[in-house]
């Protein structure tokens, strides 16, 4: 089997130049309270993360608080500053490697329009829209892991995409 390669972008955007979330969602993002207070996260999971968080806020709260995922407060501030002060937008057309972009159809934090924009600017990209929200890589892992696996396995050495074998794996004629 050839080595796996390629880039996978999940529930992400281009930084400061992006289609933003609604102001009410952004207001909840400014505070790290969701990482510190399970009740706050449970009460706000649906509006922050969408997808299965709408019907299973307790599950999302448990996942987000598993193994104490809270890092240093300064790291959180740096993350917010990076999102507000940097953009990848002008660099996306320079990406050469095959890129898979995964985006949920119900992501209040990163609207789907951002994935569509990245897909239009990254020449060798594929866009996979899944039914779910911002935490889809965790909550929809059974659906998304095979998509990622097929994408990475379809990339052959030298960066050339073997579209015939990728199409065959997806059940399409080669």
Protein backbone atom coordinates (compact mmCIF):
# COMPACT_ATOMS: atom_id res chain seq x y z
CA UNK A 1 0.00 0.00 0.00
CA UNK A 2 1.42 3.46 -0.87
CA UNK A 3 2.00 5.90 1.98
CA UNK A 4 -1.02 7.97 2.92
CA UNK A 5 -0.82 11.65 2.08
CA UNK A 6 -3.00 14.66 1.46
CA UNK A 7 -4.57 17.33 3.60
CA UNK A 8 -7.86 17.05 5.45
CA UNK A 9 -9.61 20.21 6.65
CA UNK A 10 -12.57 19.73 8.99
CA UNK A 11 -15.06 22.33 10.21
CA UNK A 12 -12.66 25.17 9.50
CA UNK A 13 -12.53 28.49 7.70
CA UNK A 14 -10.00 30.96 6.39
CA UNK A 15 -9.53 33.11 9.51
CA UNK A 16 -10.42 36.77 9.73
CA UNK A 17 -11.70 36.91 6.14
CA UNK A 18 -14.52 34.38 6.32
CA UNK A 19 -18.28 34.10 6.41
CA UNK A 20 -18.78 34.58 10.15
CA UNK A 21 -21.11 32.89 12.54
CA UNK A 22 -24.13 34.83 13.75
CA UNK A 23 -23.29 37.46 16.41
CA UNK A 24 -25.11 35.50 19.14
CA UNK A 25 -22.90 32.47 18.44
CA UNK A 26 -19.73 34.58 18.37
CA UNK A 27 -20.66 36.14 21.72
CA UNK A 28 -20.72 32.67 23.30
CA UNK A 29 -17.36 31.84 21.72
CA UNK A 30 -15.50 34.75 23.31
CA UNK A 31 -15.62 33.07 26.70
CA UNK A 32 -14.00 29.72 27.48
CA UNK A 33 -16.87 29.06 29.92
CA UNK A 34 -18.11 26.12 27.85
CA UNK A 35 -14.87 24.31 28.72
CA UNK A 36 -15.11 25.12 32.41
CA UNK A 37 -18.81 24.67 33.17
CA UNK A 38 -20.59 21.50 32.00
CA UNK A 39 -24.01 23.01 32.65
CA UNK A 40 -23.23 26.06 30.53
CA UNK A 41 -22.02 23.84 27.70
CA UNK A 42 -25.07 21.60 27.92
CA UNK A 43 -27.36 24.65 27.83
CA UNK A 44 -25.53 26.18 24.85
CA UNK A 45 -24.34 23.12 22.90
CA UNK A 46 -27.14 23.26 20.33
CA UNK A 47 -26.58 26.90 19.40
CA UNK A 48 -22.78 26.58 19.41
CA UNK A 49 -22.19 23.26 17.69
CA UNK A 50 -25.42 22.32 15.88
CA UNK A 51 -25.84 18.80 14.52
CA UNK A 52 -26.40 16.12 17.14
CA UNK A 53 -25.72 18.68 19.88
CA UNK A 54 -29.29 19.84 19.26
CA UNK A 55 -30.74 16.49 20.33
CA UNK A 56 -27.92 15.21 22.61
CA UNK A 57 -26.49 18.16 24.57
CA UNK A 58 -25.52 15.89 27.49
CA UNK A 59 -23.41 13.71 25.17
CA UNK A 60 -21.62 16.78 23.79
CA UNK A 61 -21.00 18.08 27.31
CA UNK A 62 -19.50 14.74 28.33
CA UNK A 63 -17.32 14.56 25.19
CA UNK A 64 -16.02 18.10 25.60
CA UNK A 65 -15.19 17.55 29.27
CA UNK A 66 -13.65 14.10 28.90
CA UNK A 67 -10.07 13.87 30.17
CA UNK A 68 -10.04 17.55 31.14
CA UNK A 69 -9.61 19.13 27.70
CA UNK A 70 -9.17 22.60 29.19
CA UNK A 71 -5.78 24.08 28.35
CA UNK A 72 -4.15 27.26 29.59
CA UNK A 73 -6.26 30.43 29.37
CA UNK A 74 -3.48 32.19 27.47
CA UNK A 75 -3.64 29.49 24.78
CA UNK A 76 -7.34 30.19 24.34
CA UNK A 77 -6.64 33.91 23.95
CA UNK A 78 -3.97 33.12 21.33
CA UNK A 79 -6.45 30.96 19.42
CA UNK A 80 -9.01 33.76 19.33
CA UNK A 81 -6.37 36.29 18.28
CA UNK A 82 -5.17 34.05 15.46
CA UNK A 83 -8.70 33.68 14.12
CA UNK A 84 -9.27 37.42 14.25
CA UNK A 85 -5.90 38.57 12.95
CA UNK A 86 -4.83 36.14 10.23
CA UNK A 87 -6.32 34.72 7.05
CA UNK A 88 -5.32 31.90 4.73
CA UNK A 89 -7.52 33.22 1.92
CA UNK A 90 -4.78 34.55 -0.41
CA UNK A 91 -2.71 31.38 0.07
CA UNK A 92 -5.37 28.78 -0.74
CA UNK A 93 -4.72 28.79 -4.53
CA UNK A 94 -1.07 27.93 -3.75
CA UNK A 95 -1.95 24.62 -2.08
CA UNK A 96 -0.74 21.83 -4.34
CA UNK A 97 -1.56 18.66 -2.49
CA UNK A 98 -4.92 16.94 -2.69
CA UNK A 99 -7.20 18.37 -0.02
CA UNK A 100 -10.38 16.98 1.45
CA UNK A 101 -12.69 19.57 3.01
CA UNK A 102 -15.29 18.22 5.44
CA UNK A 103 -18.11 20.49 6.54
CA UNK A 104 -21.35 19.95 8.39
CA UNK A 105 -24.64 21.17 6.98
CA UNK A 106 -25.61 22.42 10.46
CA UNK A 107 -22.50 24.14 11.83
CA UNK A 108 -23.36 27.42 13.58
CA UNK A 109 -19.68 28.28 14.18
CA UNK A 110 -18.35 27.78 10.66
CA UNK A 111 -21.12 28.23 8.07
CA UNK A 112 -20.98 25.87 5.08
CA UNK A 113 -20.28 28.82 2.76
CA UNK A 114 -16.69 28.82 4.09
CA UNK A 115 -16.08 25.25 2.94
CA UNK A 116 -17.52 26.06 -0.47
CA UNK A 117 -15.21 29.08 -0.71
CA UNK A 118 -12.13 27.03 0.22
CA UNK A 119 -13.14 24.33 -2.25
CA UNK A 120 -13.38 26.90 -5.04
CA UNK A 121 -9.88 28.23 -4.25
CA UNK A 122 -7.97 25.00 -3.60
CA UNK A 123 -7.42 23.43 -7.03
CA UNK A 124 -7.08 19.81 -6.00
CA UNK A 125 -9.79 19.76 -3.38
CA UNK A 126 -12.83 17.64 -2.73
CA UNK A 127 -15.74 18.87 -0.64
CA UNK A 128 -17.69 16.41 1.49
CA UNK A 129 -20.74 17.85 3.25
CA UNK A 130 -22.01 15.64 6.05
CA UNK A 131 -25.24 15.85 7.98
CA UNK A 132 -24.09 17.26 11.29
CA UNK A 133 -22.49 20.14 13.12
CA UNK A 134 -19.16 21.56 14.18
CA UNK A 135 -18.07 18.51 16.15
CA UNK A 136 -18.83 16.07 13.33
CA UNK A 137 -15.39 14.50 13.34
CA UNK A 138 -16.21 13.22 16.83
CA UNK A 139 -19.99 12.83 16.71
CA UNK A 140 -20.16 11.48 13.14
CA UNK A 141 -16.88 9.51 13.24
CA UNK A 142 -18.47 6.30 11.93
CA UNK A 143 -19.55 8.13 8.77
CA UNK A 144 -16.51 10.37 8.32
CA UNK A 145 -13.63 8.00 9.11
CA UNK A 146 -14.21 5.92 5.94
CA UNK A 147 -14.48 9.10 3.84
CA UNK A 148 -11.14 10.31 5.18
CA UNK A 149 -9.59 6.85 4.82
CA UNK A 150 -10.65 6.52 1.17
CA UNK A 151 -9.37 10.00 0.40
CA UNK A 152 -5.97 9.40 1.97
CA UNK A 153 -5.60 5.93 0.47
CA UNK A 154 -6.47 7.21 -3.03
CA UNK A 155 -3.46 9.54 -3.11
CA UNK A 156 -0.53 7.92 -4.88
CA UNK A 157 3.19 8.79 -4.53
CA UNK A 158 4.23 11.97 -6.26
CA UNK A 159 0.99 13.72 -5.39
CA UNK A 160 -0.94 12.48 -8.44
CA UNK A 161 -4.51 11.55 -7.64
CA UNK A 162 -5.63 8.17 -8.98
CA UNK A 163 -9.17 9.26 -9.81
CA UNK A 164 -10.13 5.90 -11.32
CA UNK A 165 -9.45 3.94 -8.13
CA UNK A 166 -11.04 6.68 -5.99
CA UNK A 167 -14.16 6.58 -8.18
CA UNK A 168 -14.25 2.78 -7.96
CA UNK A 169 -14.09 2.94 -4.16
CA UNK A 170 -17.04 5.35 -4.19
CA UNK A 171 -19.02 2.95 -6.39
CA UNK A 172 -18.72 5.14 -9.49
CA UNK A 173 -17.56 3.91 -12.89
CA UNK A 174 -13.86 4.54 -13.53
